[in-house]
Amino acid sequence: MKDAMQAMQERRFNDDETSAKLAVDIAEKIQSQDGRFPEALGQLGNVFAWRMDFKNAAPIYKRQLTLYQKLYGAQSPMIAPALNNLARLALSQKDFAGAEGFFSNALESNQKTYGENSTAVAENLRGIAHVYLFQEERLAARRGNLRNAIRS
């Protein structure tokens, strides 16, 4: 996993993908009952997301969420990394409702566990704010296009 993260930081995506796949293969074989396997899946999903290969990132992030839920329970704040990955993926695909839903699920869990003033809650609120910001930017662009069409 360390090699995969280092390669990701250096934008060496081929090396990152190789290291992440190796980590997933190892974690899958040993079937540990901790978060290493879903963490490795998240790293692999990140490789695909960075490459804008959303088709491959989505099922990996969904599998990550399923594994975290099995390990920690559906309401645990430990599933937040998978929810945040899915939210960012949805946002990058302009699926604003999906992104807001994933961020909101993580927010609810983190509020119950850590309280209103926690860093985890702040991160989720920032994610929701990004959803609203991107929606507003998209609406503003549409309004501009509509004004130009009316003037023509």
C-alpha atoms as a PDB file:
ATOM      1  CA  MET A   1       0.000   0.000   0.000  1.00  0.00           C
ATOM      2  CA  LYS A   2       2.856   2.368   0.796  1.00  0.00           C
ATOM      3  CA  ASP A   3       4.278   1.920  -2.712  1.00  0.00           C
ATOM      4  CA  ALA A   4       0.875   2.589  -4.258  1.00  0.00           C
ATOM      5  CA  MET A   5       0.400   5.792  -2.275  1.00  0.00           C
ATOM      6  CA  GLN A   6       3.912   7.006  -3.120  1.00  0.00           C
ATOM      7  CA  ALA A   7       3.331   6.324  -6.821  1.00  0.00           C
ATOM      8  CA  MET A   8      -0.022   8.161  -6.663  1.00  0.00           C
ATOM      9  CA  GLN A   9       1.603  11.233  -5.090  1.00  0.00           C
ATOM     10  CA  GLU A  10       4.218  11.235  -7.824  1.00  0.00           C
ATOM     11  CA  ARG A  11       1.544  10.778 -10.500  1.00  0.00           C
ATOM     12  CA  ARG A  12       3.072   7.463 -11.632  1.00  0.00           C
ATOM     13  CA  PHE A  13      -0.313   5.893 -12.286  1.00  0.00           C
ATOM     14  CA  ASN A  14       0.920   2.700 -13.944  1.00  0.00           C
ATOM     15  CA  ASP A  15       3.124   1.931 -10.940  1.00  0.00           C
ATOM     16  CA  ASP A  16       0.301   2.946  -8.628  1.00  0.00           C
ATOM     17  CA  GLU A  17      -2.138   0.612 -10.364  1.00  0.00           C
ATOM     18  CA  THR A  18       0.330  -2.283 -10.221  1.00  0.00           C
ATOM     19  CA  SER A  19       1.031  -1.736  -6.511  1.00  0.00           C
ATOM     20  CA  ALA A  20      -2.647  -1.272  -5.664  1.00  0.00           C
ATOM     21  CA  LYS A  21      -3.667  -4.426  -7.552  1.00  0.00           C
ATOM     22  CA  LEU A  22      -0.957  -6.379  -5.742  1.00  0.00           C
ATOM     23  CA  ALA A  23      -2.206  -5.073  -2.386  1.00  0.00           C
ATOM     24  CA  VAL A  24      -5.785  -6.045  -3.301  1.00  0.00           C
ATOM     25  CA  ASP A  25      -4.678  -9.538  -4.380  1.00  0.00           C
ATOM     26  CA  ILE A  26      -2.765 -10.104  -1.152  1.00  0.00           C
ATOM     27  CA  ALA A  27      -5.565  -8.739   1.025  1.00  0.00           C
ATOM     28  CA  GLU A  28      -8.116 -10.869  -0.820  1.00  0.00           C
ATOM     29  CA  LYS A  29      -6.069 -14.015  -0.236  1.00  0.00           C
ATOM     30  CA  ILE A  30      -5.472 -13.501   3.468  1.00  0.00           C
ATOM     31  CA  GLN A  31      -9.057 -12.317   4.112  1.00  0.00           C
ATOM     32  CA  SER A  32      -8.064 -10.304   7.146  1.00  0.00           C
ATOM     33  CA  GLN A  33     -10.858  -9.123   9.374  1.00  0.00           C
ATOM     34  CA  ASP A  34      -9.693  -5.528   9.450  1.00  0.00           C
ATOM     35  CA  GLY A  35      -9.769  -2.562   7.123  1.00  0.00           C
ATOM     36  CA  ARG A  36      -6.724  -3.375   4.996  1.00  0.00           C
ATOM     37  CA  PHE A  37      -8.653  -5.046   2.172  1.00  0.00           C
ATOM     38  CA  PRO A  38     -11.227  -2.264   1.699  1.00  0.00           C
ATOM     39  CA  GLU A  39      -8.433   0.292   2.076  1.00  0.00           C
ATOM     40  CA  ALA A  40      -6.511  -1.407  -0.751  1.00  0.00           C
ATOM     41  CA  LEU A  41      -9.660  -1.391  -2.880  1.00  0.00           C
ATOM     42  CA  GLY A  42     -10.063   2.327  -2.227  1.00  0.00           C
ATOM     43  CA  GLN A  43      -6.503   2.949  -3.378  1.00  0.00           C
ATOM     44  CA  LEU A  44      -7.139   1.006  -6.587  1.00  0.00           C
ATOM     45  CA  GLY A  45     -10.378   2.903  -7.146  1.00  0.00           C
ATOM     46  CA  ASN A  46      -8.460   6.156  -6.693  1.00  0.00           C
ATOM     47  CA  VAL A  47      -6.058   5.142  -9.473  1.00  0.00           C
ATOM     48  CA  PHE A  48      -8.965   4.708 -11.863  1.00  0.00           C
ATOM     49  CA  ALA A  49     -10.676   7.890 -10.685  1.00  0.00           C
ATOM     50  CA  TRP A  50      -7.482   9.938 -11.180  1.00  0.00           C
ATOM     51  CA  ARG A  51      -7.333   8.579 -14.713  1.00  0.00           C
ATOM     52  CA  MET A  52     -10.986   9.553 -15.131  1.00  0.00           C
ATOM     53  CA  ASP A  53     -11.792   5.882 -15.725  1.00  0.00           C
ATOM     54  CA  PHE A  54     -15.060   6.093 -13.824  1.00  0.00           C
ATOM     55  CA  LYS A  55     -16.398   2.859 -15.291  1.00  0.00           C
ATOM     56  CA  ASN A  56     -13.723   0.881 -13.437  1.00  0.00           C
ATOM     57  CA  ALA A  57     -13.627   3.060 -10.328  1.00  0.00           C
ATOM     58  CA  ALA A  58     -17.343   2.733  -9.506  1.00  0.00           C
ATOM     59  CA  PRO A  59     -17.549  -1.043  -8.896  1.00  0.00           C
ATOM     60  CA  ILE A  60     -14.350  -0.974  -6.867  1.00  0.00           C
ATOM     61  CA  TYR A  61     -15.649   1.813  -4.618  1.00  0.00           C
ATOM     62  CA  LYS A  62     -18.971  -0.035  -4.241  1.00  0.00           C
ATOM     63  CA  ARG A  63     -17.124  -3.185  -3.232  1.00  0.00           C
ATOM     64  CA  GLN A  64     -15.095  -1.133  -0.763  1.00  0.00           C
ATOM     65  CA  LEU A  65     -18.318   0.163   0.810  1.00  0.00           C
ATOM     66  CA  THR A  66     -19.781  -3.342   1.042  1.00  0.00           C
ATOM     67  CA  LEU A  67     -16.667  -4.676   2.770  1.00  0.00           C
ATOM     68  CA  TYR A  68     -16.545  -1.776   5.232  1.00  0.00           C
ATOM     69  CA  GLN A  69     -20.233  -2.313   6.030  1.00  0.00           C
ATOM     70  CA  LYS A  70     -19.628  -6.024   6.667  1.00  0.00           C
ATOM     71  CA  LEU A  71     -16.667  -5.255   8.903  1.00  0.00           C
ATOM     72  CA  TYR A  72     -18.049  -2.321  10.890  1.00  0.00           C
ATOM     73  CA  GLY A  73     -21.798  -2.114  10.273  1.00  0.00           C
ATOM     74  CA  ALA A  74     -23.846   0.096   7.978  1.00  0.00           C
ATOM     75  CA  GLN A  75     -24.053   3.009  10.445  1.00  0.00           C
ATOM     76  CA  SER A  76     -20.398   3.041  11.477  1.00  0.00           C
ATOM     77  CA  PRO A  77     -18.290   6.108  10.763  1.00  0.00           C
ATOM     78  CA  MET A  78     -15.619   3.664   9.566  1.00  0.00           C
ATOM     79  CA  ILE A  79     -17.488   3.410   6.248  1.00  0.00           C
ATOM     80  CA  ALA A  80     -17.017   7.152   5.605  1.00  0.00           C
ATOM     81  CA  PRO A  81     -13.948   6.726   3.354  1.00  0.00           C
ATOM     82  CA  ALA A  82     -15.962   4.577   0.958  1.00  0.00           C
ATOM     83  CA  LEU A  83     -18.925   6.969   1.066  1.00  0.00           C
ATOM     84  CA  ASN A  84     -16.611   9.904   0.379  1.00  0.00           C
ATOM     85  CA  ASN A  85     -14.998   8.052  -2.539  1.00  0.00           C
ATOM     86  CA  LEU A  86     -18.408   7.330  -4.031  1.00  0.00           C
ATOM     87  CA  ALA A  87     -19.499  10.934  -3.441  1.00  0.00           C
ATOM     88  CA  ARG A  88     -16.445  12.372  -5.192  1.00  0.00           C
ATOM     89  CA  LEU A  89     -16.922   9.925  -8.056  1.00  0.00           C
ATOM     90  CA  ALA A  90     -20.569  10.943  -8.419  1.00  0.00           C
ATOM     91  CA  LEU A  91     -19.607  14.617  -8.288  1.00  0.00           C
ATOM     92  CA  SER A  92     -16.986  14.165 -11.002  1.00  0.00           C
ATOM     93  CA  GLN A  93     -19.701  12.626 -13.179  1.00  0.00           C
ATOM     94  CA  LYS A  94     -22.072  15.523 -12.400  1.00  0.00           C
ATOM     95  CA  ASP A  95     -24.409  13.215 -10.483  1.00  0.00           C
ATOM     96  CA  PHE A  96     -25.186  15.888  -7.900  1.00  0.00           C
ATOM     97  CA  ALA A  97     -28.015  14.015  -6.189  1.00  0.00           C
ATOM     98  CA  GLY A  98     -25.849  10.928  -5.791  1.00  0.00           C
ATOM     99  CA  ALA A  99     -22.903  12.936  -4.475  1.00  0.00           C
ATOM    100  CA  GLU A 100     -25.070  14.775  -1.978  1.00  0.00           C
ATOM    101  CA  GLY A 101     -26.609  11.498  -0.815  1.00  0.00           C
ATOM    102  CA  PHE A 102     -23.236   9.852  -0.151  1.00  0.00           C
ATOM    103  CA  PHE A 103     -21.839  12.925   1.611  1.00  0.00           C
ATOM    104  CA  SER A 104     -25.042  13.210   3.673  1.00  0.00           C
ATOM    105  CA  ASN A 105     -24.865   9.562   4.766  1.00  0.00           C
ATOM    106  CA  ALA A 106     -21.284  10.051   5.934  1.00  0.00           C
ATOM    107  CA  LEU A 107     -22.274  13.308   7.634  1.00  0.00           C
ATOM    108  CA  GLU A 108     -25.094  11.687   9.579  1.00  0.00           C
ATOM    109  CA  SER A 109     -22.876   8.883  10.827  1.00  0.00           C
ATOM    110  CA  ASN A 110     -20.043  11.225  11.764  1.00  0.00           C
ATOM    111  CA  GLN A 111     -22.360  13.637  13.573  1.00  0.00           C
ATOM    112  CA  LYS A 112     -23.736  10.832  15.733  1.00  0.00           C
ATOM    113  CA  THR A 113     -20.287   9.493  16.550  1.00  0.00           C
ATOM    114  CA  TYR A 114     -18.016  12.527  16.723  1.00  0.00           C
ATOM    115  CA  GLY A 115     -20.357  15.487  17.259  1.00  0.00           C
ATOM    116  CA  GLU A 116     -21.080  18.673  15.351  1.00  0.00           C
ATOM    117  CA  ASN A 117     -17.649  20.252  15.796  1.00  0.00           C
ATOM    118  CA  SER A 118     -15.528  17.360  14.565  1.00  0.00           C
ATOM    119  CA  THR A 119     -13.126  17.381  11.648  1.00  0.00           C
ATOM    120  CA  ALA A 120     -15.026  14.498  10.038  1.00  0.00           C
ATOM    121  CA  VAL A 121     -18.268  16.496  10.077  1.00  0.00           C
ATOM    122  CA  ALA A 122     -16.480  19.538   8.673  1.00  0.00           C
ATOM    123  CA  GLU A 123     -15.105  17.435   5.798  1.00  0.00           C
ATOM    124  CA  ASN A 124     -18.568  16.122   4.970  1.00  0.00           C
ATOM    125  CA  LEU A 125     -20.059  19.619   5.081  1.00  0.00           C
ATOM    126  CA  ARG A 126     -17.298  20.810   2.766  1.00  0.00           C
ATOM    127  CA  GLY A 127     -18.191  17.996   0.358  1.00  0.00           C
ATOM    128  CA  ILE A 128     -21.860  18.992   0.381  1.00  0.00           C
ATOM    129  CA  ALA A 129     -20.853  22.623  -0.176  1.00  0.00           C
ATOM    130  CA  HIS A 130     -18.869  21.539  -3.250  1.00  0.00           C
ATOM    131  CA  VAL A 131     -21.953  19.791  -4.591  1.00  0.00           C
ATOM    132  CA  TYR A 132     -23.990  22.988  -4.210  1.00  0.00           C
ATOM    133  CA  LEU A 133     -21.199  25.116  -5.689  1.00  0.00           C
ATOM    134  CA  PHE A 134     -20.848  22.913  -8.766  1.00  0.00           C
ATOM    135  CA  GLN A 135     -24.615  22.860  -9.231  1.00  0.00           C
ATOM    136  CA  GLU A 136     -24.743  26.664  -9.041  1.00  0.00           C
ATOM    137  CA  GLU A 137     -21.880  27.026 -11.523  1.00  0.00           C
ATOM    138  CA  ARG A 138     -23.653  24.712 -13.910  1.00  0.00           C
ATOM    139  CA  LEU A 139     -26.928  26.633 -13.536  1.00  0.00           C
ATOM    140  CA  ALA A 140     -25.136  29.949 -14.098  1.00  0.00           C
ATOM    141  CA  ALA A 141     -23.602  28.594 -17.299  1.00  0.00           C
ATOM    142  CA  ARG A 142     -27.016  27.433 -18.477  1.00  0.00           C
ATOM    143  CA  ARG A 143     -28.510  30.867 -17.718  1.00  0.00           C
ATOM    144  CA  GLY A 144     -25.737  32.479 -19.756  1.00  0.00           C
ATOM    145  CA  ASN A 145     -26.367  30.130 -22.669  1.00  0.00           C
ATOM    146  CA  LEU A 146     -30.086  30.851 -22.467  1.00  0.00           C
ATOM    147  CA  ARG A 147     -29.477  34.631 -22.503  1.00  0.00           C
ATOM    148  CA  ASN A 148     -27.223  34.253 -25.531  1.00  0.00           C
ATOM    149  CA  ALA A 149     -29.832  32.155 -27.321  1.00  0.00           C
ATOM    150  CA  ILE A 150     -32.563  34.740 -26.626  1.00  0.00           C
ATOM    151  CA  ARG A 151     -30.372  37.581 -27.908  1.00  0.00           C
ATOM    152  CA  SER A 152     -29.626  35.726 -31.152  1.00  0.00           C
END
